[in-house]
Amino acid sequence: YYVDSVKGRFTISRDNAKNAVYLQMNSVKPEDTAFYYCAAKKDLLLL
């Protein structure tokens, strides 16, 4: 699930065998400038 402002531009993926999650950011805009945080949530039902 993505916030509307990044749909079609960003892709989130994960590799559980490597304990890794990624955010591929394409067609970036100045509005994307920010400090980006990785987050983990157990028992999340609705993304």
ModelCIF file with pLDDT and N, C-alpha, C, O atoms, coordinates in Angstrom:
data_MODEL
#
_entry.id   MODEL 
#
_entity.id                         1 
_entity.type                       polymer 
_entity.pdbx_number_of_molecules   1 
#
_entity_poly.entity_id                      1 
_entity_poly.type                           'polypeptide(L)' 
_entity_poly.nstd_linkage                   no 
_entity_poly.nstd_monomer                   no 
_entity_poly.pdbx_seq_one_letter_code       YYVDSVKGRFTISRDNAKNAVYLQMNSVKPEDTAFYYCAAKKDLLLL 
_entity_poly.pdbx_seq_one_letter_code_can   YYVDSVKGRFTISRDNAKNAVYLQMNSVKPEDTAFYYCAAKKDLLLL 
_entity_poly.pdbx_strand_id                 A 
#
loop_
_entity_poly_seq.entity_id 
_entity_poly_seq.num 
_entity_poly_seq.mon_id 
_entity_poly_seq.hetero 
1 1  TYR n 
1 2  TYR n 
1 3  VAL n 
1 4  ASP n 
1 5  SER n 
1 6  VAL n 
1 7  LYS n 
1 8  GLY n 
1 9  ARG n 
1 10 PHE n 
1 11 THR n 
1 12 ILE n 
1 13 SER n 
1 14 ARG n 
1 15 ASP n 
1 16 ASN n 
1 17 ALA n 
1 18 LYS n 
1 19 ASN n 
1 20 ALA n 
1 21 VAL n 
1 22 TYR n 
1 23 LEU n 
1 24 GLN n 
1 25 MET n 
1 26 ASN n 
1 27 SER n 
1 28 VAL n 
1 29 LYS n 
1 30 PRO n 
1 31 GLU n 
1 32 ASP n 
1 33 THR n 
1 34 ALA n 
1 35 PHE n 
1 36 TYR n 
1 37 TYR n 
1 38 CYS n 
1 39 ALA n 
1 40 ALA n 
1 41 LYS n 
1 42 LYS n 
1 43 ASP n 
1 44 LEU n 
1 45 LEU n 
1 46 LEU n 
1 47 LEU n 
#
_struct_asym.id          A 
_struct_asym.entity_id   1 
#
loop_
_ma_qa_metric.id 
_ma_qa_metric.mode 
_ma_qa_metric.name 
_ma_qa_metric.software_group_id 
_ma_qa_metric.type 
1 global pLDDT . pLDDT 
2 local  pLDDT . pLDDT 
#
_ma_qa_metric_global.metric_id      1 
_ma_qa_metric_global.metric_value   95.53 
_ma_qa_metric_global.model_id       1 
_ma_qa_metric_global.ordinal_id     1 
#
loop_
_ma_qa_metric_local.label_asym_id 
_ma_qa_metric_local.label_comp_id 
_ma_qa_metric_local.label_seq_id 
_ma_qa_metric_local.metric_id 
_ma_qa_metric_local.metric_value 
_ma_qa_metric_local.model_id 
_ma_qa_metric_local.ordinal_id 
A TYR 1  2 97.00 1 1  
A TYR 2  2 97.00 1 2  
A VAL 3  2 96.00 1 3  
A ASP 4  2 97.00 1 4  
A SER 5  2 97.00 1 5  
A VAL 6  2 98.00 1 6  
A LYS 7  2 98.00 1 7  
A GLY 8  2 98.00 1 8  
A ARG 9  2 98.00 1 9  
A PHE 10 2 98.00 1 10 
A THR 11 2 98.00 1 11 
A ILE 12 2 98.00 1 12 
A SER 13 2 98.00 1 13 
A ARG 14 2 97.00 1 14 
A ASP 15 2 96.00 1 15 
A ASN 16 2 95.00 1 16 
A ALA 17 2 94.00 1 17 
A LYS 18 2 96.00 1 18 
A ASN 19 2 96.00 1 19 
A ALA 20 2 97.00 1 20 
A VAL 21 2 98.00 1 21 
A TYR 22 2 98.00 1 22 
A LEU 23 2 98.00 1 23 
A GLN 24 2 98.00 1 24 
A MET 25 2 98.00 1 25 
A ASN 26 2 98.00 1 26 
A SER 27 2 98.00 1 27 
A VAL 28 2 98.00 1 28 
A LYS 29 2 98.00 1 29 
A PRO 30 2 98.00 1 30 
A GLU 31 2 97.00 1 31 
A ASP 32 2 98.00 1 32 
A THR 33 2 98.00 1 33 
A ALA 34 2 98.00 1 34 
A PHE 35 2 98.00 1 35 
A TYR 36 2 98.00 1 36 
A TYR 37 2 98.00 1 37 
A CYS 38 2 97.00 1 38 
A ALA 39 2 97.00 1 39 
A ALA 40 2 96.00 1 40 
A LYS 41 2 95.00 1 41 
A LYS 42 2 93.00 1 42 
A ASP 43 2 83.00 1 43 
A LEU 44 2 80.00 1 44 
A LEU 45 2 78.00 1 45 
A LEU 46 2 85.00 1 46 
A LEU 47 2 82.00 1 47 
#
loop_
_atom_site.group_PDB 
_atom_site.id 
_atom_site.type_symbol 
_atom_site.label_atom_id 
_atom_site.label_alt_id 
_atom_site.label_comp_id 
_atom_site.label_asym_id 
_atom_site.label_entity_id 
_atom_site.label_seq_id 
_atom_site.pdbx_PDB_ins_code 
_atom_site.Cartn_x 
_atom_site.Cartn_y 
_atom_site.Cartn_z 
_atom_site.occupancy 
_atom_site.B_iso_or_equiv 
_atom_site.pdbx_formal_charge 
_atom_site.auth_seq_id 
_atom_site.auth_comp_id 
_atom_site.auth_asym_id 
_atom_site.auth_atom_id 
_atom_site.pdbx_PDB_model_num 
ATOM 1   N N  . TYR A 1 1  ? 0.850  -1.181  0.000   1.00 97.00 ? 1  TYR A N  1 
ATOM 2   C CA . TYR A 1 1  ? 0.000  0.000   0.000   1.00 97.00 ? 1  TYR A CA 1 
ATOM 3   C C  . TYR A 1 1  ? 0.886  1.231   0.000   1.00 97.00 ? 1  TYR A C  1 
ATOM 4   O O  . TYR A 1 1  ? 1.926  1.265   0.657   1.00 97.00 ? 1  TYR A O  1 
ATOM 5   N N  . TYR A 1 2  ? 0.455  2.254   -0.754  1.00 97.00 ? 2  TYR A N  1 
ATOM 6   C CA . TYR A 1 2  ? 1.240  3.467   -0.901  1.00 97.00 ? 2  TYR A CA 1 
ATOM 7   C C  . TYR A 1 2  ? 0.383  4.704   -0.676  1.00 97.00 ? 2  TYR A C  1 
ATOM 8   O O  . TYR A 1 2  ? -0.813 4.716   -0.965  1.00 97.00 ? 2  TYR A O  1 
ATOM 9   N N  . VAL A 1 3  ? 1.014  5.727   -0.161  1.00 96.00 ? 3  VAL A N  1 
ATOM 10  C CA . VAL A 1 3  ? 0.344  7.011   -0.102  1.00 96.00 ? 3  VAL A CA 1 
ATOM 11  C C  . VAL A 1 3  ? 0.156  7.507   -1.535  1.00 96.00 ? 3  VAL A C  1 
ATOM 12  O O  . VAL A 1 3  ? 0.982  7.234   -2.406  1.00 96.00 ? 3  VAL A O  1 
ATOM 13  N N  . ASP A 1 4  ? -0.922 8.229   -1.769  1.00 97.00 ? 4  ASP A N  1 
ATOM 14  C CA . ASP A 1 4  ? -1.261 8.633   -3.126  1.00 97.00 ? 4  ASP A CA 1 
ATOM 15  C C  . ASP A 1 4  ? -0.130 9.375   -3.839  1.00 97.00 ? 4  ASP A C  1 
ATOM 16  O O  . ASP A 1 4  ? 0.056  9.212   -5.045  1.00 97.00 ? 4  ASP A O  1 
ATOM 17  N N  . SER A 1 5  ? 0.605  10.170  -3.117  1.00 97.00 ? 5  SER A N  1 
ATOM 18  C CA . SER A 1 5  ? 1.619  11.010  -3.726  1.00 97.00 ? 5  SER A CA 1 
ATOM 19  C C  . SER A 1 5  ? 2.791  10.236  -4.330  1.00 97.00 ? 5  SER A C  1 
ATOM 20  O O  . SER A 1 5  ? 3.550  10.795  -5.122  1.00 97.00 ? 5  SER A O  1 
ATOM 21  N N  . VAL A 1 6  ? 2.954  8.963   -3.972  1.00 98.00 ? 6  VAL A N  1 
ATOM 22  C CA . VAL A 1 6  ? 4.072  8.181   -4.505  1.00 98.00 ? 6  VAL A CA 1 
ATOM 23  C C  . VAL A 1 6  ? 3.619  7.010   -5.361  1.00 98.00 ? 6  VAL A C  1 
ATOM 24  O O  . VAL A 1 6  ? 4.458  6.296   -5.911  1.00 98.00 ? 6  VAL A O  1 
ATOM 25  N N  . LYS A 1 7  ? 2.339  6.797   -5.488  1.00 98.00 ? 7  LYS A N  1 
ATOM 26  C CA . LYS A 1 7  ? 1.840  5.688   -6.293  1.00 98.00 ? 7  LYS A CA 1 
ATOM 27  C C  . LYS A 1 7  ? 2.322  5.812   -7.731  1.00 98.00 ? 7  LYS A C  1 
ATOM 28  O O  . LYS A 1 7  ? 2.269  6.886   -8.330  1.00 98.00 ? 7  LYS A O  1 
ATOM 29  N N  . GLY A 1 8  ? 2.788  4.700   -8.269  1.00 98.00 ? 8  GLY A N  1 
ATOM 30  C CA . GLY A 1 8  ? 3.309  4.689   -9.623  1.00 98.00 ? 8  GLY A CA 1 
ATOM 31  C C  . GLY A 1 8  ? 4.754  5.093   -9.730  1.00 98.00 ? 8  GLY A C  1 
ATOM 32  O O  . GLY A 1 8  ? 5.363  4.931   -10.788 1.00 98.00 ? 8  GLY A O  1 
ATOM 33  N N  . ARG A 1 9  ? 5.325  5.617   -8.657  1.00 98.00 ? 9  ARG A N  1 
ATOM 34  C CA . ARG A 1 9  ? 6.720  6.050   -8.664  1.00 98.00 ? 9  ARG A CA 1 
ATOM 35  C C  . ARG A 1 9  ? 7.590  5.235   -7.712  1.00 98.00 ? 9  ARG A C  1 
ATOM 36  O O  . ARG A 1 9  ? 8.739  4.928   -8.029  1.00 98.00 ? 9  ARG A O  1 
ATOM 37  N N  . PHE A 1 10 ? 7.052  4.886   -6.555  1.00 98.00 ? 10 PHE A N  1 
ATOM 38  C CA . PHE A 1 10 ? 7.805  4.141   -5.550  1.00 98.00 ? 10 PHE A CA 1 
ATOM 39  C C  . PHE A 1 10 ? 7.335  2.693   -5.515  1.00 98.00 ? 10 PHE A C  1 
ATOM 40  O O  . PHE A 1 10 ? 6.171  2.398   -5.787  1.00 98.00 ? 10 PHE A O  1 
ATOM 41  N N  . THR A 1 11 ? 8.251  1.800   -5.179  1.00 98.00 ? 11 THR A N  1 
ATOM 42  C CA . THR A 1 11 ? 7.925  0.396   -5.016  1.00 98.00 ? 11 THR A CA 1 
ATOM 43  C C  . THR A 1 11 ? 8.578  -0.138  -3.750  1.00 98.00 ? 11 THR A C  1 
ATOM 44  O O  . THR A 1 11 ? 9.793  -0.037  -3.576  1.00 98.00 ? 11 THR A O  1 
ATOM 45  N N  . ILE A 1 12 ? 7.770  -0.702  -2.877  1.00 98.00 ? 12 ILE A N  1 
ATOM 46  C CA . ILE A 1 12 ? 8.299  -1.333  -1.675  1.00 98.00 ? 12 ILE A CA 1 
ATOM 47  C C  . ILE A 1 12 ? 8.387  -2.835  -1.916  1.00 98.00 ? 12 ILE A C  1 
ATOM 48  O O  . ILE A 1 12 ? 7.506  -3.421  -2.545  1.00 98.00 ? 12 ILE A O  1 
ATOM 49  N N  . SER A 1 13 ? 9.438  -3.446  -1.422  1.00 98.00 ? 13 SER A N  1 
ATOM 50  C CA . SER A 1 13 ? 9.610  -4.886  -1.557  1.00 98.00 ? 13 SER A CA 1 
ATOM 51  C C  . SER A 1 13 ? 10.345 -5.413  -0.335  1.00 98.00 ? 13 SER A C  1 
ATOM 52  O O  . SER A 1 13 ? 10.924 -4.645  0.433   1.00 98.00 ? 13 SER A O  1 
ATOM 53  N N  . ARG A 1 14 ? 10.319 -6.714  -0.163  1.00 97.00 ? 14 ARG A N  1 
ATOM 54  C CA . ARG A 1 14 ? 11.037 -7.305  0.961   1.00 97.00 ? 14 ARG A CA 1 
ATOM 55  C C  . ARG A 1 14 ? 11.594 -8.660  0.570   1.00 97.00 ? 14 ARG A C  1 
ATOM 56  O O  . ARG A 1 14 ? 11.090 -9.325  -0.335  1.00 97.00 ? 14 ARG A O  1 
ATOM 57  N N  . ASP A 1 15 ? 12.632 -9.046  1.264   1.00 96.00 ? 15 ASP A N  1 
ATOM 58  C CA . ASP A 1 15 ? 13.258 -10.347 1.086   1.00 96.00 ? 15 ASP A CA 1 
ATOM 59  C C  . ASP A 1 15 ? 13.427 -10.924 2.476   1.00 96.00 ? 15 ASP A C  1 
ATOM 60  O O  . ASP A 1 15 ? 14.385 -10.604 3.180   1.00 96.00 ? 15 ASP A O  1 
ATOM 61  N N  . ASN A 1 16 ? 12.501 -11.770 2.867   1.00 95.00 ? 16 ASN A N  1 
ATOM 62  C CA . ASN A 1 16 ? 12.525 -12.298 4.223   1.00 95.00 ? 16 ASN A CA 1 
ATOM 63  C C  . ASN A 1 16 ? 13.732 -13.188 4.495   1.00 95.00 ? 16 ASN A C  1 
ATOM 64  O O  . ASN A 1 16 ? 14.179 -13.294 5.637   1.00 95.00 ? 16 ASN A O  1 
ATOM 65  N N  . ALA A 1 17 ? 14.258 -13.824 3.457   1.00 94.00 ? 17 ALA A N  1 
ATOM 66  C CA . ALA A 1 17 ? 15.448 -14.648 3.627   1.00 94.00 ? 17 ALA A CA 1 
ATOM 67  C C  . ALA A 1 17 ? 16.656 -13.804 3.997   1.00 94.00 ? 17 ALA A C  1 
ATOM 68  O O  . ALA A 1 17 ? 17.585 -14.293 4.640   1.00 94.00 ? 17 ALA A O  1 
ATOM 69  N N  . LYS A 1 18 ? 16.646 -12.536 3.594   1.00 96.00 ? 18 LYS A N  1 
ATOM 70  C CA . LYS A 1 18 ? 17.743 -11.621 3.890   1.00 96.00 ? 18 LYS A CA 1 
ATOM 71  C C  . LYS A 1 18 ? 17.400 -10.630 4.993   1.00 96.00 ? 18 LYS A C  1 
ATOM 72  O O  . LYS A 1 18 ? 18.211 -9.765  5.323   1.00 96.00 ? 18 LYS A O  1 
ATOM 73  N N  . ASN A 1 19 ? 16.218 -10.746 5.558   1.00 96.00 ? 19 ASN A N  1 
ATOM 74  C CA . ASN A 1 19 ? 15.758 -9.807  6.587   1.00 96.00 ? 19 ASN A CA 1 
ATOM 75  C C  . ASN A 1 19 ? 15.862 -8.365  6.107   1.00 96.00 ? 19 ASN A C  1 
ATOM 76  O O  . ASN A 1 19 ? 16.375 -7.495  6.811   1.00 96.00 ? 19 ASN A O  1 
ATOM 77  N N  . ALA A 1 20 ? 15.373 -8.130  4.909   1.00 97.00 ? 20 ALA A N  1 
ATOM 78  C CA . ALA A 1 20 ? 15.536 -6.816  4.310   1.00 97.00 ? 20 ALA A CA 1 
ATOM 79  C C  . ALA A 1 20 ? 14.249 -6.314  3.670   1.00 97.00 ? 20 ALA A C  1 
ATOM 80  O O  . ALA A 1 20 ? 13.429 -7.090  3.180   1.00 97.00 ? 20 ALA A O  1 
ATOM 81  N N  . VAL A 1 21 ? 14.100 -5.005  3.689   1.00 98.00 ? 21 VAL A N  1 
ATOM 82  C CA . VAL A 1 21 ? 13.007 -4.337  3.002   1.00 98.00 ? 21 VAL A CA 1 
ATOM 83  C C  . VAL A 1 21 ? 13.600 -3.174  2.225   1.00 98.00 ? 21 VAL A C  1 
ATOM 84  O O  . VAL A 1 21 ? 14.570 -2.555  2.662   1.00 98.00 ? 21 VAL A O  1 
ATOM 85  N N  . TYR A 1 22 ? 13.013 -2.880  1.069   1.00 98.00 ? 22 TYR A N  1 
ATOM 86  C CA . TYR A 1 22 ? 13.564 -1.877  0.183   1.00 98.00 ? 22 TYR A CA 1 
ATOM 87  C C  . TYR A 1 22 ? 12.475 -0.902  -0.255  1.00 98.00 ? 22 TYR A C  1 
ATOM 88  O O  . TYR A 1 22 ? 11.288 -1.227  -0.273  1.00 98.00 ? 22 TYR A O  1 
ATOM 89  N N  . LEU A 1 23 ? 12.911 0.283   -0.601  1.00 98.00 ? 23 LEU A N  1 
ATOM 90  C CA . LEU A 1 23 ? 12.022 1.255   -1.217  1.00 98.00 ? 23 LEU A CA 1 
ATOM 91  C C  . LEU A 1 23 ? 12.716 1.790   -2.460  1.00 98.00 ? 23 LEU A C  1 
ATOM 92  O O  . LEU A 1 23 ? 13.679 2.552   -2.372  1.00 98.00 ? 23 LEU A O  1 
ATOM 93  N N  . GLN A 1 24 ? 12.217 1.382   -3.610  1.00 98.00 ? 24 GLN A N  1 
ATOM 94  C CA . GLN A 1 24 ? 12.729 1.872   -4.875  1.00 98.00 ? 24 GLN A CA 1 
ATOM 95  C C  . GLN A 1 24 ? 11.982 3.141   -5.225  1.00 98.00 ? 24 GLN A C  1 
ATOM 96  O O  . GLN A 1 24 ? 10.757 3.137   -5.348  1.00 98.00 ? 24 GLN A O  1 
ATOM 97  N N  . MET A 1 25 ? 12.713 4.216   -5.383  1.00 98.00 ? 25 MET A N  1 
ATOM 98  C CA . MET A 1 25 ? 12.128 5.521   -5.642  1.00 98.00 ? 25 MET A CA 1 
ATOM 99  C C  . MET A 1 25 ? 12.499 5.958   -7.054  1.00 98.00 ? 25 MET A C  1 
ATOM 100 O O  . MET A 1 25 ? 13.664 6.234   -7.341  1.00 98.00 ? 25 MET A O  1 
ATOM 101 N N  . ASN A 1 26 ? 11.516 6.018   -7.922  1.00 98.00 ? 26 ASN A N  1 
ATOM 102 C CA . ASN A 1 26 ? 11.723 6.443   -9.295  1.00 98.00 ? 26 ASN A CA 1 
ATOM 103 C C  . ASN A 1 26 ? 11.019 7.767   -9.548  1.00 98.00 ? 26 ASN A C  1 
ATOM 104 O O  . ASN A 1 26 ? 10.088 8.140   -8.834  1.00 98.00 ? 26 ASN A O  1 
ATOM 105 N N  . SER A 1 27 ? 11.475 8.462   -10.564 1.00 98.00 ? 27 SER A N  1 
ATOM 106 C CA . SER A 1 27 ? 10.880 9.753   -10.938 1.00 98.00 ? 27 SER A CA 1 
ATOM 107 C C  . SER A 1 27 ? 10.717 10.653  -9.728  1.00 98.00 ? 27 SER A C  1 
ATOM 108 O O  . SER A 1 27 ? 9.650  11.227  -9.507  1.00 98.00 ? 27 SER A O  1 
ATOM 109 N N  . VAL A 1 28 ? 11.761 10.771  -8.962  1.00 98.00 ? 28 VAL A N  1 
ATOM 110 C CA . VAL A 1 28 ? 11.670 11.522  -7.713  1.00 98.00 ? 28 VAL A CA 1 
ATOM 111 C C  . VAL A 1 28 ? 11.439 13.002  -7.977  1.00 98.00 ? 28 VAL A C  1 
ATOM 112 O O  . VAL A 1 28 ? 11.834 13.543  -9.010  1.00 98.00 ? 28 VAL A O  1 
ATOM 113 N N  . LYS A 1 29 ? 10.793 13.632  -7.021  1.00 98.00 ? 29 LYS A N  1 
ATOM 114 C CA . LYS A 1 29 ? 10.455 15.042  -7.083  1.00 98.00 ? 29 LYS A CA 1 
ATOM 115 C C  . LYS A 1 29 ? 11.060 15.760  -5.887  1.00 98.00 ? 29 LYS A C  1 
ATOM 116 O O  . LYS A 1 29 ? 11.351 15.130  -4.870  1.00 98.00 ? 29 LYS A O  1 
ATOM 117 N N  . PRO A 1 30 ? 11.253 17.072  -5.997  1.00 98.00 ? 30 PRO A N  1 
ATOM 118 C CA . PRO A 1 30 ? 11.752 17.811  -4.833  1.00 98.00 ? 30 PRO A CA 1 
ATOM 119 C C  . PRO A 1 30 ? 10.892 17.617  -3.585  1.00 98.00 ? 30 PRO A C  1 
ATOM 120 O O  . PRO A 1 30 ? 11.405 17.662  -2.467  1.00 98.00 ? 30 PRO A O  1 
ATOM 121 N N  . GLU A 1 31 ? 9.610  17.405  -3.766  1.00 97.00 ? 31 GLU A N  1 
ATOM 122 C CA . GLU A 1 31 ? 8.705  17.183  -2.646  1.00 97.00 ? 31 GLU A CA 1 
ATOM 123 C C  . GLU A 1 31 ? 8.987  15.880  -1.908  1.00 97.00 ? 31 GLU A C  1 
ATOM 124 O O  . GLU A 1 31 ? 8.492  15.679  -0.799  1.00 97.00 ? 31 GLU A O  1 
ATOM 125 N N  . ASP A 1 32 ? 9.776  14.993  -2.509  1.00 98.00 ? 32 ASP A N  1 
ATOM 126 C CA . ASP A 1 32 ? 10.152 13.744  -1.858  1.00 98.00 ? 32 ASP A CA 1 
ATOM 127 C C  . ASP A 1 32 ? 11.290 13.926  -0.869  1.00 98.00 ? 32 ASP A C  1 
ATOM 128 O O  . ASP A 1 32 ? 11.608 13.007  -0.115  1.00 98.00 ? 32 ASP A O  1 
ATOM 129 N N  . THR A 1 33 ? 11.899 15.084  -0.864  1.00 98.00 ? 33 THR A N  1 
ATOM 130 C CA . THR A 1 33 ? 12.998 15.351  0.061   1.00 98.00 ? 33 THR A CA 1 
ATOM 131 C C  . THR A 1 33 ? 12.518 15.211  1.497   1.00 98.00 ? 33 THR A C  1 
ATOM 132 O O  . THR A 1 33 ? 11.573 15.880  1.914   1.00 98.00 ? 33 THR A O  1 
ATOM 133 N N  . ALA A 1 34 ? 13.172 14.343  2.245   1.00 98.00 ? 34 ALA A N  1 
ATOM 134 C CA . ALA A 1 34 ? 12.775 14.080  3.624   1.00 98.00 ? 34 ALA A CA 1 
ATOM 135 C C  . ALA A 1 34 ? 13.755 13.107  4.251   1.00 98.00 ? 34 ALA A C  1 
ATOM 136 O O  . ALA A 1 34 ? 14.614 12.535  3.580   1.00 98.00 ? 34 ALA A O  1 
ATOM 137 N N  . PHE A 1 35 ? 13.607 12.938  5.538   1.00 98.00 ? 35 PHE A N  1 
ATOM 138 C CA . PHE A 1 35 ? 14.317 11.893  6.254   1.00 98.00 ? 35 PHE A CA 1 
ATOM 139 C C  . PHE A 1 35 ? 13.419 10.658  6.219   1.00 98.00 ? 35 PHE A C  1 
ATOM 140 O O  . PHE A 1 35 ? 12.283 10.695  6.692   1.00 98.00 ? 35 PHE A O  1 
ATOM 141 N N  . TYR A 1 36 ? 13.928 9.579   5.664   1.00 98.00 ? 36 TYR A N  1 
ATOM 142 C CA . TYR A 1 36 ? 13.133 8.367   5.487   1.00 98.00 ? 36 TYR A CA 1 
ATOM 143 C C  . TYR A 1 36 ? 13.441 7.344   6.573   1.00 98.00 ? 36 TYR A C  1 
ATOM 144 O O  . TYR A 1 36 ? 14.602 7.041   6.851   1.00 98.00 ? 36 TYR A O  1 
ATOM 145 N N  . TYR A 1 37 ? 12.383 6.819   7.180   1.00 98.00 ? 37 TYR A N  1 
ATOM 146 C CA . TYR A 1 37 ? 12.507 5.872   8.275   1.00 98.00 ? 37 TYR A CA 1 
ATOM 147 C C  . TYR A 1 37 ? 11.913 4.524   7.901   1.00 98.00 ? 37 TYR A C  1 
ATOM 148 O O  . TYR A 1 37 ? 10.816 4.446   7.348   1.00 98.00 ? 37 TYR A O  1 
ATOM 149 N N  . CYS A 1 38 ? 12.634 3.487   8.201   1.00 97.00 ? 38 CYS A N  1 
ATOM 150 C CA . CYS A 1 38 ? 12.131 2.129   8.103   1.00 97.00 ? 38 CYS A CA 1 
ATOM 151 C C  . CYS A 1 38 ? 11.358 1.807   9.375   1.00 97.00 ? 38 CYS A C  1 
ATOM 152 O O  . CYS A 1 38 ? 11.754 2.218   10.466  1.00 97.00 ? 38 CYS A O  1 
ATOM 153 N N  . ALA A 1 39 ? 10.267 1.079   9.240   1.00 97.00 ? 39 ALA A N  1 
ATOM 154 C CA . ALA A 1 39 ? 9.417  0.779   10.383  1.00 97.00 ? 39 ALA A CA 1 
ATOM 155 C C  . ALA A 1 39 ? 8.935  -0.659  10.341  1.00 97.00 ? 39 ALA A C  1 
ATOM 156 O O  . ALA A 1 39 ? 8.737  -1.232  9.270   1.00 97.00 ? 39 ALA A O  1 
ATOM 157 N N  . ALA A 1 40 ? 8.751  -1.231  11.514  1.00 96.00 ? 40 ALA A N  1 
ATOM 158 C CA . ALA A 1 40 ? 8.238  -2.592  11.654  1.00 96.00 ? 40 ALA A CA 1 
ATOM 159 C C  . ALA A 1 40 ? 7.035  -2.589  12.578  1.00 96.00 ? 40 ALA A C  1 
ATOM 160 O O  . ALA A 1 40 ? 7.022  -1.909  13.604  1.00 96.00 ? 40 ALA A O  1 
ATOM 161 N N  . LYS A 1 41 ? 6.037  -3.350  12.205  1.00 95.00 ? 41 LYS A N  1 
ATOM 162 C CA . LYS A 1 41 ? 4.813  -3.424  12.991  1.00 95.00 ? 41 LYS A CA 1 
ATOM 163 C C  . LYS A 1 41 ? 4.293  -4.851  13.022  1.00 95.00 ? 41 LYS A C  1 
ATOM 164 O O  . LYS A 1 41 ? 4.014  -5.446  11.981  1.00 95.00 ? 41 LYS A O  1 
ATOM 165 N N  . LYS A 1 42 ? 4.167  -5.387  14.213  1.00 93.00 ? 42 LYS A N  1 
ATOM 166 C CA . LYS A 1 42 ? 3.602  -6.714  14.384  1.00 93.00 ? 42 LYS A CA 1 
ATOM 167 C C  . LYS A 1 42 ? 2.098  -6.609  14.542  1.00 93.00 ? 42 LYS A C  1 
ATOM 168 O O  . LYS A 1 42 ? 1.582  -5.642  15.102  1.00 93.00 ? 42 LYS A O  1 
ATOM 169 N N  . ASP A 1 43 ? 1.415  -7.599  14.049  1.00 83.00 ? 43 ASP A N  1 
ATOM 170 C CA . ASP A 1 43 ? -0.041 -7.676  14.176  1.00 83.00 ? 43 ASP A CA 1 
ATOM 171 C C  . ASP A 1 43 ? -0.768 -6.543  13.463  1.00 83.00 ? 43 ASP A C  1 
ATOM 172 O O  . ASP A 1 43 ? -1.825 -6.098  13.912  1.00 83.00 ? 43 ASP A O  1 
ATOM 173 N N  . LEU A 1 44 ? -0.212 -6.084  12.372  1.00 80.00 ? 44 LEU A N  1 
ATOM 174 C CA . LEU A 1 44 ? -0.869 -5.067  11.561  1.00 80.00 ? 44 LEU A CA 1 
ATOM 175 C C  . LEU A 1 44 ? -1.862 -5.749  10.628  1.00 80.00 ? 44 LEU A C  1 
ATOM 176 O O  . LEU A 1 44 ? -1.494 -6.604  9.823   1.00 80.00 ? 44 LEU A O  1 
ATOM 177 N N  . LEU A 1 45 ? -3.107 -5.361  10.749  1.00 78.00 ? 45 LEU A N  1 
ATOM 178 C CA . LEU A 1 45 ? -4.148 -5.973  9.944   1.00 78.00 ? 45 LEU A CA 1 
ATOM 179 C C  . LEU A 1 45 ? -4.420 -5.224  8.647   1.00 78.00 ? 45 LEU A C  1 
ATOM 180 O O  . LEU A 1 45 ? -4.672 -5.838  7.611   1.00 78.00 ? 45 LEU A O  1 
ATOM 181 N N  . LEU A 1 46 ? -4.368 -3.897  8.706   1.00 85.00 ? 46 LEU A N  1 
ATOM 182 C CA . LEU A 1 46 ? -4.688 -3.064  7.552   1.00 85.00 ? 46 LEU A CA 1 
ATOM 183 C C  . LEU A 1 46 ? -3.520 -2.144  7.251   1.00 85.00 ? 46 LEU A C  1 
ATOM 184 O O  . LEU A 1 46 ? -3.198 -1.256  8.040   1.00 85.00 ? 46 LEU A O  1 
ATOM 185 N N  . LEU A 1 47 ? -2.889 -2.359  6.108   1.00 82.00 ? 47 LEU A N  1 
ATOM 186 C CA . LEU A 1 47 ? -1.719 -1.577  5.754   1.00 82.00 ? 47 LEU A CA 1 
ATOM 187 C C  . LEU A 1 47 ? -2.036 -0.092  5.646   1.00 82.00 ? 47 LEU A C  1 
ATOM 188 O O  . LEU A 1 47 ? -1.148 0.709   5.352   1.00 82.00 ? 47 LEU A O  1 
#
